[in-house]
Amino acid sequence: MRKDTFVSEVEAQDNFSHWLKQAKDKAVVITRRGRPVGVLIAHAEYENLRRARAWMQMVRLSQELDQSGVTATELFRWSRDELEEQP
């Protein structure tokens, strides 16, 4: 992606279609009173960010599980048993 473009909230509203097209190639940072309040990005970039976030959460959970001394098999078994007990 190229360098981010900054536009005011009013400019983004007035020319939304234009800035949406620009977001395919670079992030469009929307500002209010000179401060960033939102970002338009390509959907593919959004999905990449979602996957990266999910991966980081899984790594964090894996580390917590490792530190707890509980094995993945035990956790699976306990979870399955708990779900089977629910009406």
PDB file of N, CA and C in Angstrom:
ATOM      1  N   MET A   1       0.832  -1.186   0.000  1.00  0.00           N
ATOM      2  CA  MET A   1       0.000   0.000   0.000  1.00  0.00           C
ATOM      3  C   MET A   1       0.873   1.245   0.000  1.00  0.00           C
ATOM      4  N   ARG A   2       0.364   2.269  -0.637  1.00  0.00           N
ATOM      5  CA  ARG A   2       1.078   3.545  -0.659  1.00  0.00           C
ATOM      6  C   ARG A   2       0.831   4.303   0.636  1.00  0.00           C
ATOM      7  N   LYS A   3       1.459   5.448   0.736  1.00  0.00           N
ATOM      8  CA  LYS A   3       1.333   6.294   1.927  1.00  0.00           C
ATOM      9  C   LYS A   3      -0.123   6.704   2.156  1.00  0.00           C
ATOM     10  N   ASP A   4      -0.525   6.759   3.416  1.00  0.00           N
ATOM     11  CA  ASP A   4      -1.889   7.134   3.772  1.00  0.00           C
ATOM     12  C   ASP A   4      -2.233   8.533   3.275  1.00  0.00           C
ATOM     13  N   THR A   5      -3.518   8.724   2.984  1.00  0.00           N
ATOM     14  CA  THR A   5      -4.040  10.035   2.628  1.00  0.00           C
ATOM     15  C   THR A   5      -4.954  10.488   3.751  1.00  0.00           C
ATOM     16  N   PHE A   6      -4.845  11.744   4.129  1.00  0.00           N
ATOM     17  CA  PHE A   6      -5.684  12.297   5.191  1.00  0.00           C
ATOM     18  C   PHE A   6      -6.703  13.246   4.573  1.00  0.00           C
ATOM     19  N   VAL A   7      -7.977  13.059   4.942  1.00  0.00           N
ATOM     20  CA  VAL A   7      -9.036  13.955   4.468  1.00  0.00           C
ATOM     21  C   VAL A   7      -9.951  14.298   5.636  1.00  0.00           C
ATOM     22  N   SER A   8     -10.549  15.469   5.560  1.00  0.00           N
ATOM     23  CA  SER A   8     -11.469  15.867   6.620  1.00  0.00           C
ATOM     24  C   SER A   8     -12.760  15.065   6.510  1.00  0.00           C
ATOM     25  N   GLU A   9     -13.481  15.024   7.606  1.00  0.00           N
ATOM     26  CA  GLU A   9     -14.770  14.330   7.639  1.00  0.00           C
ATOM     27  C   GLU A   9     -15.718  14.906   6.587  1.00  0.00           C
ATOM     28  N   VAL A  10     -15.744  16.226   6.461  1.00  0.00           N
ATOM     29  CA  VAL A  10     -16.619  16.884   5.479  1.00  0.00           C
ATOM     30  C   VAL A  10     -16.227  16.481   4.069  1.00  0.00           C
ATOM     31  N   GLU A  11     -14.923  16.502   3.775  1.00  0.00           N
ATOM     32  CA  GLU A  11     -14.443  16.099   2.449  1.00  0.00           C
ATOM     33  C   GLU A  11     -14.790  14.641   2.174  1.00  0.00           C
ATOM     34  N   ALA A  12     -14.641  13.789   3.171  1.00  0.00           N
ATOM     35  CA  ALA A  12     -14.972  12.373   2.991  1.00  0.00           C
ATOM     36  C   ALA A  12     -16.459  12.195   2.693  1.00  0.00           C
ATOM     37  N   GLN A  13     -17.303  12.947   3.382  1.00  0.00           N
ATOM     38  CA  GLN A  13     -18.749  12.865   3.138  1.00  0.00           C
ATOM     39  C   GLN A  13     -19.104  13.395   1.755  1.00  0.00           C
ATOM     40  N   ASP A  14     -18.527  14.534   1.400  1.00  0.00           N
ATOM     41  CA  ASP A  14     -18.861  15.164   0.121  1.00  0.00           C
ATOM     42  C   ASP A  14     -18.410  14.348  -1.076  1.00  0.00           C
ATOM     43  N   ASN A  15     -17.328  13.630  -0.944  1.00  0.00           N
ATOM     44  CA  ASN A  15     -16.764  12.870  -2.069  1.00  0.00           C
ATOM     45  C   ASN A  15     -16.503  11.413  -1.683  1.00  0.00           C
ATOM     46  N   PHE A  16     -17.466  10.824  -1.001  1.00  0.00           N
ATOM     47  CA  PHE A  16     -17.282   9.481  -0.457  1.00  0.00           C
ATOM     48  C   PHE A  16     -16.902   8.469  -1.530  1.00  0.00           C
ATOM     49  N   SER A  17     -17.578   8.497  -2.654  1.00  0.00           N
ATOM     50  CA  SER A  17     -17.302   7.536  -3.724  1.00  0.00           C
ATOM     51  C   SER A  17     -15.846   7.622  -4.183  1.00  0.00           C
ATOM     52  N   HIS A  18     -15.350   8.833  -4.339  1.00  0.00           N
ATOM     53  CA  HIS A  18     -13.963   9.043  -4.757  1.00  0.00           C
ATOM     54  C   HIS A  18     -12.998   8.443  -3.738  1.00  0.00           C
ATOM     55  N   TRP A  19     -13.222   8.743  -2.447  1.00  0.00           N
ATOM     56  CA  TRP A  19     -12.305   8.267  -1.417  1.00  0.00           C
ATOM     57  C   TRP A  19     -12.412   6.765  -1.214  1.00  0.00           C
ATOM     58  N   LEU A  20     -13.595   6.218  -1.443  1.00  0.00           N
ATOM     59  CA  LEU A  20     -13.755   4.771  -1.374  1.00  0.00           C
ATOM     60  C   LEU A  20     -12.924   4.087  -2.457  1.00  0.00           C
ATOM     61  N   LYS A  21     -12.913   4.668  -3.649  1.00  0.00           N
ATOM     62  CA  LYS A  21     -12.072   4.124  -4.732  1.00  0.00           C
ATOM     63  C   LYS A  21     -10.593   4.241  -4.384  1.00  0.00           C
ATOM     64  N   GLN A  22     -10.202   5.356  -3.767  1.00  0.00           N
ATOM     65  CA  GLN A  22      -8.806   5.557  -3.378  1.00  0.00           C
ATOM     66  C   GLN A  22      -8.363   4.534  -2.340  1.00  0.00           C
ATOM     67  N   ALA A  23      -9.302   4.102  -1.519  1.00  0.00           N
ATOM     68  CA  ALA A  23      -8.976   3.156  -0.438  1.00  0.00           C
ATOM     69  C   ALA A  23      -8.554   1.794  -0.963  1.00  0.00           C
ATOM     70  N   LYS A  24      -8.784   1.519  -2.241  1.00  0.00           N
ATOM     71  CA  LYS A  24      -8.327   0.248  -2.815  1.00  0.00           C
ATOM     72  C   LYS A  24      -6.808   0.179  -2.846  1.00  0.00           C
ATOM     73  N   ASP A  25      -6.150   1.335  -2.978  1.00  0.00           N
ATOM     74  CA  ASP A  25      -4.698   1.386  -3.120  1.00  0.00           C
ATOM     75  C   ASP A  25      -3.952   1.883  -1.891  1.00  0.00           C
ATOM     76  N   LYS A  26      -4.654   2.639  -1.040  1.00  0.00           N
ATOM     77  CA  LYS A  26      -3.997   3.216   0.129  1.00  0.00           C
ATOM     78  C   LYS A  26      -5.048   3.532   1.180  1.00  0.00           C
ATOM     79  N   ALA A  27      -4.620   3.590   2.419  1.00  0.00           N
ATOM     80  CA  ALA A  27      -5.536   3.930   3.503  1.00  0.00           C
ATOM     81  C   ALA A  27      -5.923   5.402   3.396  1.00  0.00           C
ATOM     82  N   VAL A  28      -7.198   5.678   3.618  1.00  0.00           N
ATOM     83  CA  VAL A  28      -7.699   7.048   3.646  1.00  0.00           C
ATOM     84  C   VAL A  28      -8.112   7.326   5.087  1.00  0.00           C
ATOM     85  N   VAL A  29      -7.341   8.176   5.749  1.00  0.00           N
ATOM     86  CA  VAL A  29      -7.588   8.513   7.147  1.00  0.00           C
ATOM     87  C   VAL A  29      -8.540   9.703   7.191  1.00  0.00           C
ATOM     88  N   ILE A  30      -9.648   9.531   7.878  1.00  0.00           N
ATOM     89  CA  ILE A  30     -10.646  10.584   7.988  1.00  0.00           C
ATOM     90  C   ILE A  30     -10.406  11.325   9.299  1.00  0.00           C
ATOM     91  N   THR A  31     -10.351  12.642   9.209  1.00  0.00           N
ATOM     92  CA  THR A  31     -10.060  13.449  10.389  1.00  0.00           C
ATOM     93  C   THR A  31     -11.240  14.351  10.755  1.00  0.00           C
ATOM     94  N   ARG A  32     -11.306  14.662  12.026  1.00  0.00           N
ATOM     95  CA  ARG A  32     -12.261  15.648  12.546  1.00  0.00           C
ATOM     96  C   ARG A  32     -11.441  16.606  13.396  1.00  0.00           C
ATOM     97  N   ARG A  33     -11.490  17.869  13.008  1.00  0.00           N
ATOM     98  CA  ARG A  33     -10.690  18.896  13.691  1.00  0.00           C
ATOM     99  C   ARG A  33      -9.215  18.520  13.727  1.00  0.00           C
ATOM    100  N   GLY A  34      -8.741  17.920  12.642  1.00  0.00           N
ATOM    101  CA  GLY A  34      -7.336  17.579  12.504  1.00  0.00           C
ATOM    102  C   GLY A  34      -6.898  16.301  13.177  1.00  0.00           C
ATOM    103  N   ARG A  35      -7.831  15.616  13.824  1.00  0.00           N
ATOM    104  CA  ARG A  35      -7.472  14.372  14.514  1.00  0.00           C
ATOM    105  C   ARG A  35      -8.107  13.174  13.818  1.00  0.00           C
ATOM    106  N   PRO A  36      -7.366  12.083  13.657  1.00  0.00           N
ATOM    107  CA  PRO A  36      -7.920  10.890  13.006  1.00  0.00           C
ATOM    108  C   PRO A  36      -9.109  10.320  13.789  1.00  0.00           C
ATOM    109  N   VAL A  37     -10.189  10.023  13.050  1.00  0.00           N
ATOM    110  CA  VAL A  37     -11.374   9.424  13.685  1.00  0.00           C
ATOM    111  C   VAL A  37     -11.824   8.144  12.979  1.00  0.00           C
ATOM    112  N   GLY A  38     -11.276   7.875  11.820  1.00  0.00           N
ATOM    113  CA  GLY A  38     -11.658   6.671  11.090  1.00  0.00           C
ATOM    114  C   GLY A  38     -10.732   6.451   9.915  1.00  0.00           C
ATOM    115  N   VAL A  39     -10.842   5.258   9.328  1.00  0.00           N
ATOM    116  CA  VAL A  39      -9.981   4.910   8.202  1.00  0.00           C
ATOM    117  C   VAL A  39     -10.775   4.094   7.190  1.00  0.00           C
ATOM    118  N   LEU A  40     -10.632   4.437   5.924  1.00  0.00           N
ATOM    119  CA  LEU A  40     -11.162   3.607   4.844  1.00  0.00           C
ATOM    120  C   LEU A  40     -10.004   2.773   4.317  1.00  0.00           C
ATOM    121  N   ILE A  41     -10.198   1.466   4.267  1.00  0.00           N
ATOM    122  CA  ILE A  41      -9.176   0.575   3.707  1.00  0.00           C
ATOM    123  C   ILE A  41      -9.858  -0.431   2.792  1.00  0.00           C
ATOM    124  N   ALA A  42      -9.073  -1.039   1.933  1.00  0.00           N
ATOM    125  CA  ALA A  42      -9.597  -2.076   1.041  1.00  0.00           C
ATOM    126  C   ALA A  42     -10.101  -3.251   1.869  1.00  0.00           C
ATOM    127  N   HIS A  43     -11.120  -3.919   1.366  1.00  0.00           N
ATOM    128  CA  HIS A  43     -11.690  -5.047   2.096  1.00  0.00           C
ATOM    129  C   HIS A  43     -10.647  -6.148   2.306  1.00  0.00           C
ATOM    130  N   ALA A  44      -9.819  -6.385   1.323  1.00  0.00           N
ATOM    131  CA  ALA A  44      -8.773  -7.415   1.462  1.00  0.00           C
ATOM    132  C   ALA A  44      -7.823  -7.066   2.607  1.00  0.00           C
ATOM    133  N   GLU A  45      -7.483  -5.791   2.748  1.00  0.00           N
ATOM    134  CA  GLU A  45      -6.617  -5.362   3.845  1.00  0.00           C
ATOM    135  C   GLU A  45      -7.314  -5.560   5.188  1.00  0.00           C
ATOM    136  N   TYR A  46      -8.602  -5.255   5.224  1.00  0.00           N
ATOM    137  CA  TYR A  46      -9.401  -5.459   6.434  1.00  0.00           C
ATOM    138  C   TYR A  46      -9.391  -6.933   6.832  1.00  0.00           C
ATOM    139  N   GLU A  47      -9.592  -7.824   5.874  1.00  0.00           N
ATOM    140  CA  GLU A  47      -9.591  -9.260   6.162  1.00  0.00           C
ATOM    141  C   GLU A  47      -8.220  -9.714   6.650  1.00  0.00           C
ATOM    142  N   ASN A  48      -7.154  -9.177   6.063  1.00  0.00           N
ATOM    143  CA  ASN A  48      -5.805  -9.512   6.527  1.00  0.00           C
ATOM    144  C   ASN A  48      -5.615  -9.089   7.980  1.00  0.00           C
ATOM    145  N   LEU A  49      -6.103  -7.915   8.319  1.00  0.00           N
ATOM    146  CA  LEU A  49      -5.996  -7.440   9.703  1.00  0.00           C
ATOM    147  C   LEU A  49      -6.799  -8.320  10.652  1.00  0.00           C
ATOM    148  N   ARG A  50      -7.993  -8.738  10.223  1.00  0.00           N
ATOM    149  CA  ARG A  50      -8.817  -9.624  11.060  1.00  0.00           C
ATOM    150  C   ARG A  50      -8.116 -10.952  11.307  1.00  0.00           C
ATOM    151  N   ARG A  51      -7.533 -11.521  10.244  1.00  0.00           N
ATOM    152  CA  ARG A  51      -6.826 -12.798  10.399  1.00  0.00           C
ATOM    153  C   ARG A  51      -5.613 -12.644  11.309  1.00  0.00           C
ATOM    154  N   ALA A  52      -4.881 -11.555  11.150  1.00  0.00           N
ATOM    155  CA  ALA A  52      -3.702 -11.327  11.995  1.00  0.00           C
ATOM    156  C   ALA A  52      -4.120 -11.176  13.455  1.00  0.00           C
ATOM    157  N   ARG A  53      -5.202 -10.470  13.691  1.00  0.00           N
ATOM    158  CA  ARG A  53      -5.687 -10.300  15.060  1.00  0.00           C
ATOM    159  C   ARG A  53      -6.112 -11.644  15.655  1.00  0.00           C
ATOM    160  N   ALA A  54      -6.835 -12.445  14.876  1.00  0.00           N
ATOM    161  CA  ALA A  54      -7.270 -13.759  15.355  1.00  0.00           C
ATOM    162  C   ALA A  54      -6.066 -14.643  15.656  1.00  0.00           C
ATOM    163  N   TRP A  55      -5.058 -14.593  14.794  1.00  0.00           N
ATOM    164  CA  TRP A  55      -3.852 -15.388  15.014  1.00  0.00           C
ATOM    165  C   TRP A  55      -3.156 -14.964  16.304  1.00  0.00           C
ATOM    166  N   MET A  56      -3.048 -13.652  16.527  1.00  0.00           N
ATOM    167  CA  MET A  56      -2.403 -13.165  17.752  1.00  0.00           C
ATOM    168  C   MET A  56      -3.189 -13.589  18.986  1.00  0.00           C
ATOM    169  N   GLN A  57      -4.510 -13.592  18.904  1.00  0.00           N
ATOM    170  CA  GLN A  57      -5.320 -14.047  20.031  1.00  0.00           C
ATOM    171  C   GLN A  57      -5.092 -15.528  20.300  1.00  0.00           C
ATOM    172  N   MET A  58      -4.979 -16.324  19.246  1.00  0.00           N
ATOM    173  CA  MET A  58      -4.732 -17.754  19.417  1.00  0.00           C
ATOM    174  C   MET A  58      -3.359 -17.996  20.041  1.00  0.00           C
ATOM    175  N   VAL A  59      -2.360 -17.240  19.630  1.00  0.00           N
ATOM    176  CA  VAL A  59      -1.018 -17.375  20.217  1.00  0.00           C
ATOM    177  C   VAL A  59      -1.077 -17.022  21.697  1.00  0.00           C
ATOM    178  N   ARG A  60      -1.766 -15.933  22.024  1.00  0.00           N
ATOM    179  CA  ARG A  60      -1.878 -15.510  23.421  1.00  0.00           C
ATOM    180  C   ARG A  60      -2.591 -16.577  24.246  1.00  0.00           C
ATOM    181  N   LEU A  61      -3.685 -17.118  23.722  1.00  0.00           N
ATOM    182  CA  LEU A  61      -4.407 -18.170  24.435  1.00  0.00           C
ATOM    183  C   LEU A  61      -3.555 -19.419  24.603  1.00  0.00           C
ATOM    184  N   SER A  62      -2.807 -19.749  23.569  1.00  0.00           N
ATOM    185  CA  SER A  62      -1.922 -20.912  23.641  1.00  0.00           C
ATOM    186  C   SER A  62      -0.874 -20.730  24.727  1.00  0.00           C
ATOM    187  N   GLN A  63      -0.318 -19.529  24.823  1.00  0.00           N
ATOM    188  CA  GLN A  63       0.676 -19.254  25.854  1.00  0.00           C
ATOM    189  C   GLN A  63       0.057 -19.330  27.248  1.00  0.00           C
ATOM    190  N   GLU A  64      -1.153 -18.782  27.397  1.00  0.00           N
ATOM    191  CA  GLU A  64      -1.835 -18.837  28.688  1.00  0.00           C
ATOM    192  C   GLU A  64      -2.145 -20.282  29.080  1.00  0.00           C
ATOM    193  N   LEU A  65      -2.567 -21.074  28.101  1.00  0.00           N
ATOM    194  CA  LEU A  65      -2.866 -22.478  28.365  1.00  0.00           C
ATOM    195  C   LEU A  65      -1.595 -23.206  28.786  1.00  0.00           C
ATOM    196  N   ASP A  66      -0.504 -22.936  28.094  1.00  0.00           N
ATOM    197  CA  ASP A  66       0.773 -23.571  28.425  1.00  0.00           C
ATOM    198  C   ASP A  66       1.210 -23.207  29.848  1.00  0.00           C
ATOM    199  N   GLN A  67       1.038 -21.950  30.217  1.00  0.00           N
ATOM    200  CA  GLN A  67       1.434 -21.496  31.549  1.00  0.00           C
ATOM    201  C   GLN A  67       0.522 -22.049  32.641  1.00  0.00           C
ATOM    202  N   SER A  68      -0.711 -22.367  32.305  1.00  0.00           N
ATOM    203  CA  SER A  68      -1.658 -22.857  33.309  1.00  0.00           C
ATOM    204  C   SER A  68      -1.401 -24.310  33.698  1.00  0.00           C
ATOM    205  N   GLY A  69      -0.688 -25.031  32.834  1.00  0.00           N
ATOM    206  CA  GLY A  69      -0.427 -26.439  33.110  1.00  0.00           C
ATOM    207  C   GLY A  69      -1.535 -27.361  32.630  1.00  0.00           C
ATOM    208  N   VAL A  70      -2.567 -26.801  32.025  1.00  0.00           N
ATOM    209  CA  VAL A  70      -3.673 -27.600  31.494  1.00  0.00           C
ATOM    210  C   VAL A  70      -3.320 -27.983  30.064  1.00  0.00           C
ATOM    211  N   THR A  71      -3.544 -29.244  29.718  1.00  0.00           N
ATOM    212  CA  THR A  71      -3.268 -29.679  28.349  1.00  0.00           C
ATOM    213  C   THR A  71      -4.462 -29.363  27.462  1.00  0.00           C
ATOM    214  N   ALA A  72      -4.217 -29.275  26.172  1.00  0.00           N
ATOM    215  CA  ALA A  72      -5.292 -29.020  25.208  1.00  0.00           C
ATOM    216  C   ALA A  72      -6.321 -30.150  25.253  1.00  0.00           C
ATOM    217  N   THR A  73      -5.868 -31.370  25.465  1.00  0.00           N
ATOM    218  CA  THR A  73      -6.784 -32.517  25.556  1.00  0.00           C
ATOM    219  C   THR A  73      -7.708 -32.376  26.759  1.00  0.00           C
ATOM    220  N   GLU A  74      -7.150 -31.968  27.891  1.00  0.00           N
ATOM    221  CA  GLU A  74      -7.980 -31.761  29.078  1.00  0.00           C
ATOM    222  C   GLU A  74      -9.005 -30.652  28.858  1.00  0.00           C
ATOM    223  N   LEU A  75      -8.555 -29.577  28.278  1.00  0.00           N
ATOM    224  CA  LEU A  75      -9.458 -28.460  28.012  1.00  0.00           C
ATOM    225  C   LEU A  75     -10.584 -28.887  27.081  1.00  0.00           C
ATOM    226  N   PHE A  76     -10.249 -29.624  26.042  1.00  0.00           N
ATOM    227  CA  PHE A  76     -11.260 -30.122  25.113  1.00  0.00           C
ATOM    228  C   PHE A  76     -12.260 -31.016  25.839  1.00  0.00           C
ATOM    229  N   ARG A  77     -11.759 -31.935  26.637  1.00  0.00           N
ATOM    230  CA  ARG A  77     -12.621 -32.865  27.348  1.00  0.00           C
ATOM    231  C   ARG A  77     -13.559 -32.122  28.304  1.00  0.00           C
ATOM    232  N   TRP A  78     -13.005 -31.179  29.069  1.00  0.00           N
ATOM    233  CA  TRP A  78     -13.835 -30.412  30.010  1.00  0.00           C
ATOM    234  C   TRP A  78     -14.894 -29.603  29.275  1.00  0.00           C
ATOM    235  N   SER A  79     -14.516 -28.993  28.177  1.00  0.00           N
ATOM    236  CA  SER A  79     -15.464 -28.190  27.397  1.00  0.00           C
ATOM    237  C   SER A  79     -16.573 -29.063  26.829  1.00  0.00           C
ATOM    238  N   ARG A  80     -16.188 -30.206  26.287  1.00  0.00           N
ATOM    239  CA  ARG A  80     -17.170 -31.128  25.714  1.00  0.00           C
ATOM    240  C   ARG A  80     -18.129 -31.609  26.797  1.00  0.00           C
ATOM    241  N   ASP A  81     -17.588 -31.996  27.949  1.00  0.00           N
ATOM    242  CA  ASP A  81     -18.432 -32.459  29.056  1.00  0.00           C
ATOM    243  C   ASP A  81     -19.407 -31.371  29.498  1.00  0.00           C
ATOM    244  N   GLU A  82     -18.921 -30.140  29.574  1.00  0.00           N
ATOM    245  CA  GLU A  82     -19.785 -29.033  29.993  1.00  0.00           C
ATOM    246  C   GLU A  82     -20.899 -28.788  28.975  1.00  0.00           C
ATOM    247  N   LEU A  83     -20.568 -28.849  27.708  1.00  0.00           N
ATOM    248  CA  LEU A  83     -21.585 -28.649  26.673  1.00  0.00           C
ATOM    249  C   LEU A  83     -22.623 -29.780  26.672  1.00  0.00           C
ATOM    250  N   GLU A  84     -22.169 -30.980  26.916  1.00  0.00           N
ATOM    251  CA  GLU A  84     -23.096 -32.122  26.941  1.00  0.00           C
ATOM    252  C   GLU A  84     -24.044 -32.077  28.137  1.00  0.00           C
ATOM    253  N   GLU A  85     -23.632 -31.428  29.203  1.00  0.00           N
ATOM    254  CA  GLU A  85     -24.465 -31.307  30.397  1.00  0.00           C
ATOM    255  C   GLU A  85     -25.567 -30.271  30.246  1.00  0.00           C
ATOM    256  N   GLN A  86     -25.411 -29.354  29.306  1.00  0.00           N
ATOM    257  CA  GLN A  86     -26.406 -28.298  29.120  1.00  0.00           C
ATOM    258  C   GLN A  86     -27.666 -28.871  28.469  1.00  0.00           C
ATOM    259  N   PRO A  87     -28.841 -28.361  28.902  1.00  0.00           N
ATOM    260  CA  PRO A  87     -30.107 -28.866  28.345  1.00  0.00           C
ATOM    261  C   PRO A  87     -30.306 -28.462  26.902  1.00  0.00           C
TER     262      PRO A  87
END
